[in-house]
Protein backbone atom coordinates (compact mmCIF):
# COMPACT_ATOMS: atom_id res chain seq x y z
CA MET A 1 53.97 -103.44 -3.30
CA ASP A 2 56.40 -101.13 -5.39
CA VAL A 3 55.02 -98.75 -7.81
CA ILE A 4 57.06 -97.48 -10.74
CA ALA A 5 56.94 -94.13 -11.35
CA PRO A 6 55.53 -92.66 -14.94
CA PRO A 7 58.37 -92.05 -17.04
CA GLU A 8 58.74 -88.35 -17.75
CA PRO A 9 57.94 -88.02 -21.42
CA GLU A 10 60.72 -86.95 -24.04
CA SER A 11 58.67 -85.90 -27.01
CA LEU A 12 55.05 -84.29 -27.49
CA GLU A 13 53.99 -87.57 -28.91
CA GLN A 14 54.46 -89.39 -25.97
CA THR A 15 52.60 -87.21 -23.69
CA GLY A 16 49.43 -88.37 -25.25
CA LEU A 17 48.34 -84.43 -25.81
CA ALA A 18 47.64 -82.43 -29.01
CA GLU A 19 49.51 -79.16 -29.95
CA SER A 20 46.98 -77.21 -29.46
CA VAL A 21 46.28 -78.32 -25.63
CA VAL A 22 49.96 -77.37 -24.73
CA GLU A 23 49.80 -74.06 -26.46
CA HIS A 24 46.87 -72.93 -24.87
CA LEU A 25 48.42 -74.15 -21.42
CA ILE A 26 51.55 -71.75 -22.31
CA LEU A 27 49.95 -68.85 -23.02
CA LYS A 28 47.89 -68.72 -20.13
CA ILE A 29 50.37 -69.52 -17.63
CA LEU A 30 52.17 -66.41 -19.41
CA TYR A 31 49.12 -64.43 -19.03
CA PHE A 32 48.85 -64.90 -15.18
CA ARG A 33 52.46 -65.36 -14.33
CA GLY A 34 53.99 -62.89 -16.15
CA GLU A 35 57.48 -63.21 -17.83
CA LEU A 36 59.03 -66.45 -17.38
CA TYR A 37 62.53 -67.98 -18.04
CA GLY A 38 62.22 -71.32 -20.01
CA GLN A 39 63.12 -73.43 -17.37
CA ASP A 40 60.63 -71.49 -15.02
CA LEU A 41 58.00 -72.18 -17.67
CA SER A 42 58.71 -76.00 -18.05
CA ASN A 43 58.61 -75.92 -14.49
CA ALA A 44 54.88 -74.81 -14.31
CA ILE A 45 53.99 -77.34 -16.73
CA GLY A 46 55.59 -79.87 -15.76
CA LEU A 47 57.52 -81.13 -19.69
CA ARG A 48 60.76 -81.02 -20.47
CA PHE A 49 61.45 -77.86 -22.08
CA SER A 50 62.78 -79.95 -25.12
CA VAL A 51 58.99 -81.15 -25.33
CA ILE A 52 57.78 -77.73 -25.65
CA GLN A 53 60.65 -76.06 -27.31
CA SER A 54 58.91 -76.25 -30.96
CA ILE A 55 55.64 -74.95 -29.88
CA VAL A 56 57.62 -71.41 -28.13
CA GLU A 57 59.65 -71.39 -30.88
CA LEU A 58 56.60 -71.35 -33.40
CA LEU A 59 54.70 -68.61 -30.80
CA THR A 60 57.81 -66.85 -31.12
CA LEU A 61 57.82 -66.30 -34.72
CA ARG A 62 53.77 -65.79 -34.56
CA HIS A 63 54.60 -62.81 -32.46
CA HIS A 64 52.56 -64.25 -29.53
CA LEU A 65 55.93 -64.32 -27.32
CA GLN A 66 58.28 -62.33 -27.16
CA ILE A 67 62.09 -62.46 -25.64
CA LYS A 68 62.88 -60.03 -23.35
CA LYS A 69 66.41 -60.80 -22.06
CA SER A 70 68.97 -64.16 -22.18
CA LEU A 71 71.30 -65.79 -20.33
CA GLY A 72 72.96 -66.97 -23.45
CA VAL A 73 72.41 -70.74 -23.48
CA GLY A 74 69.63 -70.92 -25.69
CA ASN A 75 66.16 -70.38 -25.38
CA VAL A 76 65.65 -72.40 -21.98
CA ALA A 77 67.59 -69.68 -20.01
CA ALA A 78 65.67 -66.88 -22.39
CA MET A 79 62.95 -64.77 -20.56
CA PHE A 80 59.80 -64.86 -22.45
CA ALA A 81 56.87 -62.73 -22.13
CA LEU A 82 53.47 -62.21 -23.99
CA THR A 83 52.98 -59.67 -27.07
CA GLU A 84 49.74 -57.73 -27.25
CA SER A 85 48.47 -60.36 -29.77
CA GLY A 86 49.62 -62.95 -27.06
CA ARG A 87 47.73 -61.45 -24.23
CA SER A 88 44.45 -61.58 -26.75
CA ARG A 89 45.07 -65.02 -27.91
CA ALA A 90 45.28 -65.95 -24.31
CA ARG A 91 41.86 -64.45 -23.06
CA ASP A 92 40.23 -66.45 -26.21
CA TYR A 93 41.89 -69.55 -24.46
CA LEU A 94 40.49 -68.51 -20.91
CA GLU A 95 36.78 -68.42 -22.62
CA SER A 96 37.28 -72.08 -23.15
CA ASN A 97 38.63 -72.76 -19.45
CA GLN A 98 41.33 -71.25 -17.11
CA TYR A 99 43.36 -74.10 -16.15
CA CYS A 100 46.77 -73.64 -15.96
CA GLY A 101 48.64 -76.00 -13.89
CA PRO A 102 50.67 -78.70 -14.76
CA ALA A 103 49.94 -80.38 -17.88
CA PRO A 104 46.72 -82.76 -18.24
CA VAL A 105 47.42 -86.78 -18.32
CA PRO A 106 45.30 -88.31 -21.07
CA LEU A 107 42.15 -90.47 -19.51
CA ASP A 108 44.02 -93.79 -20.94
CA GLN A 109 47.21 -93.09 -19.45
CA TYR A 110 45.33 -92.20 -16.04
CA VAL A 111 43.68 -95.71 -16.57
CA ASN A 112 46.46 -97.99 -17.40
CA LEU A 113 48.56 -96.27 -14.27
CA VAL A 114 45.60 -96.55 -11.54
CA ARG A 115 45.57 -100.43 -12.95
CA GLN A 116 49.05 -100.97 -12.39
CA GLN A 117 49.02 -99.29 -8.95
CA ARG A 118 46.06 -101.50 -7.63
CA PRO A 119 47.33 -103.53 -4.81
CA ARG A 120 48.64 -106.74 -5.62
CA GLU A 121 47.21 -110.25 -4.25
CA GLY A 122 49.17 -111.23 -1.04
CA TRP A 123 50.24 -107.35 -0.14
CA LEU A 124 48.76 -107.76 3.30
CA THR A 125 49.62 -109.83 5.95
CA LYS A 126 48.23 -110.66 9.26
CA GLU A 127 51.76 -109.17 10.85
CA ALA A 128 51.22 -105.71 9.27
CA LEU A 129 48.15 -105.23 10.12
CA ALA A 130 48.39 -105.82 13.75
CA LYS A 131 51.31 -103.47 13.04
CA THR A 132 48.80 -101.06 11.76
CA PHE A 133 46.37 -101.31 14.52
CA LYS A 134 49.52 -101.23 17.32
CA GLY A 135 47.98 -99.16 20.41
CA MET A 136 44.63 -100.46 19.92
CA VAL A 137 43.06 -102.90 21.87
CA LEU A 138 41.60 -105.37 19.25
CA THR A 139 40.52 -109.45 19.11
CA GLU A 140 42.20 -111.71 17.37
CA ASN A 141 38.47 -112.23 15.87
CA ILE A 142 38.51 -108.91 14.38
CA LEU A 143 41.95 -108.99 12.87
CA ARG A 144 40.81 -112.40 11.15
CA GLN A 145 37.68 -110.04 9.71
CA LEU A 146 38.88 -107.15 9.00
CA GLY A 147 42.09 -108.72 7.14
CA PRO A 148 40.43 -109.96 4.15
CA ALA A 149 38.12 -107.70 3.46
CA ILE A 150 41.00 -105.11 3.38
CA SER A 151 43.25 -107.11 1.42
CA SER A 152 40.69 -107.54 -1.52
CA SER A 153 40.82 -103.39 -1.46
CA THR A 154 36.79 -103.91 -2.91
CA SER A 155 33.87 -103.44 -0.72
CA LEU A 156 33.09 -103.85 2.89
CA LEU A 157 29.88 -102.87 5.35
CA LEU A 158 30.63 -102.45 9.07
CA HIS A 159 27.75 -102.27 10.80
CA GLY A 160 27.71 -102.49 14.66
CA LYS A 161 25.92 -100.24 17.66
CA PRO A 162 27.04 -96.41 18.08
CA GLY A 163 30.10 -96.24 20.28
CA ASP A 164 31.89 -99.56 19.35
CA GLY A 165 34.63 -97.58 17.09
CA LYS A 166 33.81 -98.54 13.48
CA SER A 167 34.81 -95.43 12.22
CA PHE A 168 37.71 -95.35 14.38
CA LEU A 169 39.17 -98.77 13.23
CA ILE A 170 38.49 -97.74 9.89
CA GLU A 171 40.02 -94.55 9.79
CA SER A 172 43.20 -96.17 11.49
CA LEU A 173 43.90 -97.81 8.36
CA CYS A 174 45.60 -94.32 7.52
CA ASN A 175 48.78 -96.00 9.69
CA LEU A 176 49.20 -98.77 7.23
CA ASP A 177 52.41 -99.23 5.78
CA ALA A 178 51.70 -98.88 1.77
CA ALA A 179 53.62 -98.03 -1.23
CA PRO A 180 53.23 -94.12 -2.37
CA ILE A 181 51.21 -93.35 -5.49
CA PHE A 182 51.11 -91.15 -8.45
CA VAL A 183 48.14 -88.68 -8.80
CA PRO A 184 47.89 -86.64 -11.75
CA TYR A 185 47.34 -82.97 -11.37
CA ALA A 186 44.62 -83.23 -13.88
CA ILE A 187 42.99 -85.26 -16.66
CA GLU A 188 41.99 -84.47 -20.19
CA CYS A 189 39.17 -86.10 -21.82
CA GLN A 190 37.21 -85.07 -25.05
CA GLY A 191 38.35 -81.78 -24.45
CA ASN A 192 37.63 -81.09 -20.94
CA ILE A 193 40.10 -80.76 -18.16
CA VAL A 194 39.51 -82.86 -15.21
CA GLN A 195 41.45 -81.93 -11.58
CA VAL A 196 42.27 -84.66 -9.33
CA TYR A 197 44.45 -83.78 -7.19
CA ASP A 198 43.14 -82.08 -4.02
CA PRO A 199 45.67 -81.04 -1.35
CA VAL A 200 43.19 -81.92 1.50
CA TYR A 201 43.58 -85.20 0.44
CA HIS A 202 46.33 -86.23 -1.32
CA GLN A 203 49.49 -85.68 0.58
CA ARG A 204 52.62 -85.74 -1.19
CA VAL A 205 55.33 -87.68 -0.32
CA ASP A 206 58.30 -85.84 -2.59
CA SER A 207 60.47 -82.96 -1.58
CA GLU A 208 61.65 -82.33 -5.00
CA GLN A 209 62.49 -78.82 -5.73
CA GLU A 210 62.07 -77.04 -8.91
CA PRO A 211 65.08 -75.92 -10.33
CA ALA A 212 66.03 -72.35 -10.80
CA ALA A 213 66.52 -70.83 -14.79
CA LEU A 214 70.02 -72.32 -14.15
CA SER A 215 70.02 -75.24 -13.25
CA ILE A 216 69.10 -76.81 -16.74
CA SER A 217 70.96 -80.02 -16.72
CA ILE A 218 68.70 -81.63 -14.21
CA GLU A 219 66.92 -84.76 -15.32
CA ARG A 220 63.82 -86.01 -14.06
CA SER A 221 62.99 -89.85 -13.18
CA SER A 222 59.24 -89.47 -13.48
CA ASP A 223 56.34 -87.26 -15.07
CA ARG A 224 56.01 -84.23 -13.25
CA ARG A 225 52.33 -84.05 -14.43
CA TRP A 226 51.77 -86.56 -11.61
CA ALA A 227 52.41 -86.45 -7.89
CA LYS A 228 53.87 -88.76 -5.44
CA CYS A 229 51.49 -89.13 -2.68
CA LYS A 230 50.30 -91.37 0.02
CA ARG A 231 47.50 -93.83 -0.88
CA PRO A 232 44.21 -91.55 -0.08
CA PHE A 233 41.69 -91.91 2.70
CA ILE A 234 38.38 -89.96 2.00
CA VAL A 235 35.78 -89.74 4.20
CA THR A 236 31.90 -88.22 3.57
CA GLY A 237 29.27 -88.34 6.27
CA GLY A 238 25.45 -87.16 6.21
CA GLU A 239 26.64 -84.09 3.76
CA LEU A 240 27.04 -86.81 1.10
CA THR A 241 24.66 -85.95 -2.23
CA LEU A 242 24.66 -87.93 -5.27
CA ASP A 243 25.73 -84.70 -7.27
CA MET A 244 28.82 -85.13 -5.18
CA LEU A 245 29.61 -88.40 -6.32
CA ASP A 246 29.38 -87.54 -10.52
CA LEU A 247 31.60 -84.62 -12.05
CA GLN A 248 31.50 -81.32 -10.36
CA TYR A 249 31.52 -78.49 -13.06
CA ASN A 250 33.05 -74.82 -12.27
CA GLN A 251 31.04 -72.24 -14.00
CA THR A 252 33.75 -69.83 -13.64
CA SER A 253 37.25 -71.38 -14.29
CA LYS A 254 35.28 -73.85 -16.51
CA VAL A 255 36.69 -76.92 -15.10
CA TYR A 256 35.73 -80.17 -14.13
CA GLU A 257 36.18 -81.28 -10.07
CA ALA A 258 37.00 -84.85 -9.92
CA PRO A 259 34.32 -86.81 -7.54
CA PHE A 260 35.15 -88.10 -4.29
CA GLN A 261 35.62 -91.88 -5.93
CA LEU A 262 38.11 -90.65 -8.34
CA LYS A 263 40.41 -88.80 -6.08
CA ALA A 264 39.91 -92.12 -4.19
CA ASN A 265 41.74 -93.97 -6.66
CA ASN A 266 44.40 -96.64 -5.07
CA GLY A 267 42.96 -95.64 -1.70
CA ILE A 268 40.36 -95.96 0.52
CA TYR A 269 36.80 -94.01 0.48
CA LEU A 270 34.41 -94.43 3.73
CA ILE A 271 30.94 -93.39 3.63
CA ASP A 272 30.69 -93.07 7.43
CA ASP A 273 26.83 -93.30 9.03
CA PHE A 274 25.70 -95.12 5.56
CA GLY A 275 21.49 -94.48 6.00
CA ARG A 276 21.82 -90.71 7.58
CA GLN A 277 22.89 -89.37 4.17
CA ARG A 278 20.49 -86.82 2.29
CA ALA A 279 20.24 -89.49 -0.61
CA THR A 280 18.53 -92.84 0.52
CA PRO A 281 20.57 -96.11 1.24
CA ALA A 282 18.91 -97.31 -2.26
CA GLU A 283 19.67 -94.00 -4.20
CA VAL A 284 23.59 -94.62 -3.09
CA LEU A 285 23.52 -98.51 -3.44
CA ASN A 286 22.10 -97.92 -7.16
CA ARG A 287 24.95 -95.45 -7.71
CA TRP A 288 27.31 -97.88 -6.54
CA ILE A 289 25.76 -101.34 -8.41
CA VAL A 290 28.28 -101.36 -11.87
CA PRO A 291 31.10 -99.47 -9.93
CA MET A 292 31.67 -102.04 -7.35
CA GLU A 293 30.74 -104.92 -9.65
CA ARG A 294 33.18 -104.06 -12.92
CA ARG A 295 35.44 -101.91 -11.02
CA VAL A 296 34.54 -99.47 -13.88
CA ASP A 297 32.68 -95.79 -13.24
CA TYR A 298 30.77 -93.37 -15.80
CA LEU A 299 30.58 -89.98 -15.36
CA THR A 300 28.89 -87.75 -17.26
CA PHE A 301 29.91 -84.24 -18.49
CA LEU A 302 27.73 -81.03 -18.90
CA THR A 303 27.82 -81.64 -22.77
CA GLY A 304 25.95 -85.18 -22.13
CA GLY A 305 29.46 -87.11 -23.00
CA LYS A 306 30.61 -89.46 -21.19
CA MET A 307 33.86 -90.46 -19.05
CA THR A 308 35.10 -93.96 -18.43
CA ALA A 309 37.05 -93.78 -15.21
CA PRO A 310 38.71 -96.72 -13.27
CA PHE A 311 37.03 -97.54 -10.15
CA GLU A 312 39.72 -98.93 -7.64
CA THR A 313 39.06 -97.81 -4.25
CA PHE A 314 38.91 -100.23 -1.09
CA LEU A 315 35.10 -98.62 -0.59
CA VAL A 316 34.03 -99.19 3.13
CA PHE A 317 30.28 -98.57 4.65
CA SER A 318 30.03 -97.84 7.88
CA THR A 319 26.56 -97.37 9.65
CA ASN A 320 24.57 -98.46 13.19
CA LEU A 321 21.49 -99.07 11.70
CA ASN A 322 20.16 -102.43 11.33
CA PRO A 323 21.80 -103.58 7.53
CA ALA A 324 18.01 -105.51 6.49
CA ASP A 325 16.91 -101.49 6.57
CA LEU A 326 19.45 -100.49 4.16
CA GLY A 327 18.38 -102.24 1.04
CA ASP A 328 16.96 -105.51 -0.39
CA GLU A 329 19.67 -108.82 -0.47
CA ALA A 330 20.39 -108.28 -4.11
CA PHE A 331 21.91 -104.34 -2.98
CA LEU A 332 23.62 -106.03 -0.50
CA ARG A 333 25.21 -108.55 -2.58
CA ARG A 334 27.23 -106.27 -4.28
CA ILE A 335 29.30 -105.52 -0.98
CA GLN A 336 31.62 -107.97 -1.08
CA TYR A 337 32.48 -108.24 2.56
CA LYS A 338 30.12 -107.77 5.81
CA MET A 339 31.04 -107.50 9.30
CA LEU A 340 29.70 -107.08 12.72
CA LEU A 341 31.55 -104.96 15.10
CA LYS A 342 30.37 -106.24 18.45
CA SER A 343 30.62 -104.59 21.50
CA PRO A 344 33.42 -105.69 23.32
CA ALA A 345 33.73 -108.32 26.25
CA GLU A 346 34.47 -106.82 30.03
CA ASN A 347 38.07 -107.86 29.58
CA GLU A 348 38.33 -105.43 26.56
CA PHE A 349 36.61 -102.58 28.13
CA ILE A 350 38.80 -103.28 31.44
CA ARG A 351 42.23 -103.01 28.78
CA ILE A 352 40.52 -99.85 26.65
CA PHE A 353 40.32 -97.85 30.43
CA GLU A 354 43.75 -99.13 31.30
CA SER A 355 45.38 -97.99 27.71
CA PHE A 356 43.57 -94.57 27.98
CA CYS A 357 44.84 -93.91 31.53
CA THR A 358 47.91 -94.98 31.05
CA ALA A 359 48.60 -92.69 28.29
CA ARG A 360 47.65 -89.91 29.96
CA ARG A 361 49.56 -90.80 32.96
CA LEU A 362 46.71 -91.01 34.96
CA PRO A 363 46.79 -93.19 38.35
CA PHE A 364 43.70 -95.65 39.20
CA SER A 365 43.11 -98.73 40.91
CA ARG A 366 41.98 -101.86 39.60
CA ASP A 367 39.81 -101.98 42.93
CA LEU A 368 38.58 -98.58 41.93
CA LEU A 369 37.73 -99.33 37.91
CA GLN A 370 35.96 -102.91 39.65
CA ARG A 371 33.81 -100.71 41.80
CA PHE A 372 32.72 -98.83 38.73
CA ILE A 373 32.09 -101.58 36.70
CA ASP A 374 30.01 -103.17 38.97
CA LYS A 375 27.98 -100.30 39.44
CA TYR A 376 27.45 -98.18 35.93
CA TYR A 377 27.55 -101.82 34.02
CA HIS A 378 26.82 -105.00 36.04
CA ARG A 379 24.19 -103.68 38.59
CA THR A 380 22.15 -101.87 35.62
CA GLY A 381 22.45 -103.91 32.63
CA LYS A 382 24.38 -101.44 30.97
CA PRO A 383 26.36 -102.52 27.37
CA PHE A 384 29.58 -101.96 27.09
CA ARG A 385 30.79 -99.57 24.37
CA ARG A 386 34.42 -99.05 22.99
CA CYS A 387 34.17 -95.06 23.74
CA HIS A 388 33.00 -95.47 27.12
CA PRO A 389 36.43 -95.39 28.71
CA ARG A 390 37.55 -92.40 26.49
CA ASP A 391 34.86 -90.39 27.14
CA VAL A 392 34.36 -90.99 30.81
CA LEU A 393 37.86 -90.21 31.38
CA SER A 394 38.17 -87.28 29.26
CA HIS A 395 35.65 -85.95 31.58
CA ALA A 396 37.23 -86.83 34.68
CA LEU A 397 40.50 -85.07 33.36
CA ASN A 398 38.56 -81.86 32.08
CA LEU A 399 36.78 -81.72 36.33
CA ILE A 400 40.47 -82.61 37.60
CA HIS A 401 41.89 -79.75 35.66
CA PHE A 402 38.75 -77.21 36.16
CA GLU A 403 38.99 -77.43 39.90
CA LYS A 404 42.62 -77.96 40.59
CA LEU A 405 42.05 -81.64 42.10
CA PRO A 406 44.71 -84.24 43.19
CA PHE A 407 45.59 -85.67 39.74
CA ALA A 408 44.47 -89.60 40.95
CA LEU A 409 40.77 -91.07 39.88
CA ASN A 410 38.47 -91.60 42.89
CA ASP A 411 35.03 -92.88 43.13
CA GLU A 412 33.42 -89.19 43.25
CA ILE A 413 35.35 -87.99 40.15
CA LEU A 414 34.28 -91.14 38.27
CA ASP A 415 30.44 -91.20 39.35
CA ARG A 416 30.44 -87.01 38.29
CA ALA A 417 32.26 -87.86 34.81
CA PHE A 418 29.66 -90.53 34.46
CA GLU A 419 27.22 -88.65 35.17
CA SER A 420 27.95 -85.80 32.93
CA CYS A 421 28.28 -88.60 29.80
CA PHE A 422 25.00 -90.11 29.91
CA VAL A 423 21.38 -88.89 29.59
CA GLU A 424 20.00 -89.36 33.13
CA GLU A 425 16.44 -90.50 33.53
CA SER A 426 13.80 -87.81 35.34
CA HIS A 427 10.28 -88.11 36.55
CA SER A 428 7.94 -85.19 36.30
CA GLU A 429 6.05 -84.24 39.34
CA ALA A 430 2.72 -84.98 37.56
CA THR A 431 3.29 -88.39 36.60
CA ALA A 432 5.13 -89.44 39.57
CA THR A 433 4.39 -92.72 41.39
CA PRO A 434 3.06 -92.45 45.04
CA ALA A 435 6.21 -94.08 46.02
CA VAL A 436 8.12 -91.45 44.30
CA ALA A 437 6.23 -88.71 45.52
CA SER A 438 6.72 -90.04 49.02
CA GLN A 439 10.63 -89.94 48.86
CA PRO A 440 12.36 -87.38 51.04
CA ALA A 441 13.22 -84.46 49.25
CA GLN A 442 16.35 -83.71 48.02
CA GLN A 443 18.71 -82.43 50.35
CA ASP A 444 19.69 -78.47 49.31
CA ASN A 445 22.97 -77.95 47.66
CA PRO A 446 25.09 -75.28 48.40
CA ILE A 447 24.91 -72.31 46.27
CA ILE A 448 27.55 -69.75 45.41
CA PRO A 449 26.96 -66.25 45.42
CA VAL A 450 25.82 -64.53 42.48
CA MET A 451 29.03 -62.25 41.04
CA SER A 452 28.30 -59.37 38.44
CA GLN A 453 31.82 -59.12 38.14
CA SER A 454 35.48 -60.59 38.41
CA CYS A 455 37.44 -59.52 41.11
CA SER A 456 39.83 -58.23 38.39
CA ASP A 457 36.98 -55.95 36.92
CA TYR A 458 35.94 -54.93 39.93
CA TRP A 459 39.20 -53.40 40.47
CA GLY A 460 40.24 -52.49 37.30
CA ASP A 461 37.14 -50.24 37.17
CA GLN A 462 38.48 -48.51 40.53
CA VAL A 463 41.72 -47.64 38.82
CA ASP A 464 40.38 -46.63 35.79
CA GLN A 465 38.49 -43.53 37.47
CA ILE A 466 42.10 -42.67 38.70
CA ASN A 467 43.69 -39.78 36.38
CA THR A 468 47.59 -39.67 37.19
CA ALA A 469 50.18 -42.89 37.50
CA PHE A 470 50.89 -41.77 40.98
CA GLY A 471 47.85 -41.77 42.10
CA THR A 472 46.91 -45.43 40.58
CA LEU A 473 50.14 -46.43 42.82
CA THR A 474 49.53 -44.74 45.91
CA PHE A 475 45.91 -45.91 45.71
CA VAL A 476 46.74 -50.08 45.28
CA ALA A 477 49.91 -49.26 48.07
CA ALA A 478 47.40 -47.96 50.87
CA PHE A 479 45.79 -51.70 50.91
CA ARG A 480 48.69 -53.43 51.22
CA ASN A 481 50.05 -54.64 55.39
CA ARG A 482 53.78 -53.59 54.95
CA MET A 483 53.82 -56.38 57.97
CA THR A 484 52.29 -58.91 56.30
CA GLY A 485 52.37 -58.14 52.59
CA ILE A 486 48.78 -59.17 52.21
CA TYR A 487 46.05 -56.55 50.44
CA HIS A 488 43.40 -56.32 52.27
CA ASP A 489 39.95 -54.30 51.52
CA LEU A 490 36.61 -55.63 53.53
CA GLU A 491 34.13 -55.42 50.83
CA SER A 492 36.19 -56.64 48.29
CA ALA A 493 37.16 -59.82 50.62
CA ARG A 494 33.21 -59.96 51.24
CA GLN A 495 32.56 -60.87 47.72
CA TYR A 496 35.51 -62.37 46.43
CA GLY A 497 37.31 -63.80 49.27
CA GLU A 498 40.87 -62.80 51.01
CA ALA A 499 43.46 -64.69 48.78
CA GLU A 500 41.63 -63.61 45.65
CA THR A 501 41.45 -59.89 46.65
CA SER A 502 45.31 -59.53 47.65
CA ARG A 503 46.53 -61.76 44.78
CA VAL A 504 44.71 -59.23 42.08
CA LEU A 505 45.77 -56.08 43.96
CA GLN A 506 49.28 -57.43 44.74
CA LYS A 507 49.42 -57.75 40.68
CA ILE A 508 47.94 -54.52 40.22
CA HIS A 509 50.49 -52.40 42.70
CA GLN A 510 53.32 -54.16 40.57
CA ARG A 511 52.18 -53.15 37.17
CA ALA A 512 51.49 -49.21 38.83
CA PHE A 513 54.61 -49.66 40.14
CA GLN A 514 56.74 -50.28 36.64
CA ALA A 515 54.31 -48.15 34.97
CA TRP A 516 55.26 -44.97 36.80
CA LEU A 517 59.02 -45.88 36.66
CA SER A 518 59.13 -46.14 32.62
CA LEU A 519 58.00 -42.46 32.41
CA ASN A 520 60.87 -40.16 32.08
CA PHE A 521 61.75 -37.71 34.70
CA ASP A 522 59.96 -34.74 33.36
CA GLN A 523 56.79 -37.00 32.45
CA GLN A 524 57.17 -38.12 36.59
CA LYS A 525 57.20 -34.38 37.63
CA ARG A 526 54.43 -33.65 35.83
CA ASP A 527 52.35 -36.63 37.23
CA VAL A 528 53.16 -36.14 40.54
CA ALA A 529 52.09 -32.22 40.22
CA ARG A 530 48.51 -33.38 38.94
CA TYR A 531 48.46 -35.80 41.64
CA VAL A 532 49.02 -33.18 44.48
CA ALA A 533 46.96 -30.51 42.65
CA ALA A 534 43.73 -33.27 42.80
CA GLU A 535 44.67 -34.57 46.19
CA GLY A 536 46.85 -32.40 48.10
CA SER A 537 50.11 -32.25 49.51
CA THR A 538 49.29 -33.92 52.77
CA ARG A 539 49.26 -37.43 51.71
CA LEU A 540 53.08 -37.15 50.65
CA THR A 541 53.86 -35.58 54.13
CA GLY A 542 55.50 -37.61 56.69
CA ASP A 543 58.83 -39.90 57.35
CA TYR A 544 60.50 -40.43 53.47
CA ARG A 545 61.76 -43.67 53.95
CA GLU A 546 58.28 -44.73 55.37
CA LEU A 547 56.98 -43.43 51.97
CA VAL A 548 59.22 -45.15 49.67
CA SER A 549 58.57 -48.36 51.65
CA GLN A 550 54.80 -48.11 51.22
CA LEU A 551 55.00 -47.58 47.47
CA ALA A 552 57.17 -50.32 45.96
CA PRO A 553 55.90 -53.70 45.99
CA ALA A 554 57.02 -56.71 47.55
CA GLY A 555 59.52 -58.24 45.60
CA ALA A 556 60.64 -55.28 43.87
CA ARG A 557 64.27 -55.30 42.44
CA ILE A 558 66.74 -53.14 44.89
CA GLU A 559 67.73 -50.86 41.46
CA ASP A 560 64.11 -49.96 40.71
CA VAL A 561 63.42 -49.32 44.47
CA GLN A 562 66.60 -47.03 44.10
CA ARG A 563 65.25 -45.44 41.26
CA LEU A 564 61.93 -44.63 43.11
CA ALA A 565 63.68 -43.11 46.07
CA GLN A 566 65.95 -40.46 43.87
CA TYR A 567 63.25 -39.33 41.43
CA LEU A 568 60.64 -39.15 44.13
CA ALA A 569 63.25 -37.10 46.02
CA ALA A 570 63.63 -34.74 43.39
CA ILE A 571 60.31 -34.30 42.60
CA LEU A 572 59.09 -33.59 45.98
CA ASP A 573 62.01 -31.32 46.61
CA ALA A 574 60.56 -29.13 43.69
CA LEU A 575 57.13 -29.43 44.48
CA LEU A 576 56.88 -29.25 48.17
CA PRO A 577 59.62 -26.89 49.41
CA LYS A 578 60.37 -27.00 52.90
CA PRO A 579 63.48 -25.72 55.27
CA GLU A 580 65.32 -29.13 54.93
CA PRO A 581 64.45 -30.44 51.94
CA PHE A 582 64.32 -34.19 50.98
CA LYS A 583 67.26 -36.16 50.47
CA ALA A 584 67.20 -39.93 49.03
CA GLU A 585 69.41 -42.27 51.06
CA PRO A 586 70.50 -45.00 49.23
CA VAL A 587 68.48 -48.26 49.56
CA THR A 588 70.89 -51.09 50.29
CA SER A 589 68.78 -53.62 50.74
CA ILE A 590 65.42 -54.62 49.99
CA GLU A 591 64.48 -55.68 53.72
CA CYS A 592 63.57 -51.59 53.88
CA ILE A 593 60.04 -52.73 52.44
CA ALA A 594 58.15 -55.14 54.66
């Protein structure tokens, strides 16, 4: 389904715009963007410079524009700027509206191209649709029902129970291999500007870059007032109101914003959770009666004027309510196709479960799955839903990751995951039947001791009270057993366990070791002096090699241990003079640290 790009206008007449509209745009663009070369102005307005050249020259003669400099190859390479009178005139035009993007497209040109871009008969095949749903678990019957509705591109009511994949099914149509379309940046109608292109919903597929001022020989094959985009897919849910289906006037910019159905032209517009909007189903269906039958929509300007716009969107209503409760037969008749998405059969449910496990590389056994189905579906009569495998297995994965369990499913994990997915019925003591009341009391569950703070926070508070980097190093090092390398503190072990205490203290020890080594020699000397003044020198007496071995953490690099030994020897020699000063022996092996 090829779409012919709109040709680039070669004259002002071919744009379909009045000269005044282009003049206003030129002045407003220069007002906001300052000085521009002629080619850059052409790019901003989306028209060839030859199309706007006469208007630019006329504005220059009227002293609204001035040429600041030129590259010497005509006005296309001249730099234009507003004069004071031009700025005044631009401000006057901004009172009308503040739109300063690419030149708008007249309504009649927009209508013609939207009609040309509508899907042709027979554009969708069964094979193409199956390719779109690749990876999904679908039955032949679903494809047969859904295919003709999509091919018609008219309207569809998709109804069924919650969780059976209605929204997911329609949203997968984003993968449909369809030719791109052209969307105008803005439409001009009755002197009003309506912005249509919306980067939230329109995904551009062209990668053309604007040429620089010197690239004046580049020829365009299509009208730059249109953006080449993927066919739009727009979804609205319970937030939808009737006001959103008409033109939205911006009081500040004085520009209209196109409603959803206009932005969705040549694409898909899904109204999800139909019947739960702030407007009643009857009000919404009343709004769509004429557009669905005549493929024409009537939009109202603030002044009371009307705009007749094409309605070429595939309109989809998705609901889990009873269609009979949404409207009478006359309303529902306007919706061309109706489809009930039934709950999956057991073989579909199993295939969905297997597909999810395969995608997440989660090991499981068929016997495990069969036990799960027997326990929670066959025995209880619970209906299958297409969302159940995804929900239960997602909970199971979260459970596995949180508790660091082996990466595989088992009965206990599936039981716990299922319980966390669904609301469990409870019985109050006041209304309990005698049989329930006579049941044995539930066994006590192990209670985790309440911890007011984490182990890291506990030791962080301890370290924060030490005023010196060397004091921190000696404090933490004292908890390490040099024979085993394990850090131990009785109180911390009671609250947080031996393993967590050792892990946290080892991390703090390594950090304190590097922090002290990062100081320069003078800083280290002052730091140790403050430590001696506060703690006394007795803690630094004894075998020197034993002191270095205690202060250096396990796994420290040889060069770092050597630096500690050298610096500490010099510092202690100065601070603690003795008959025979300390001498640092070179560290030749990390084995000196137990």
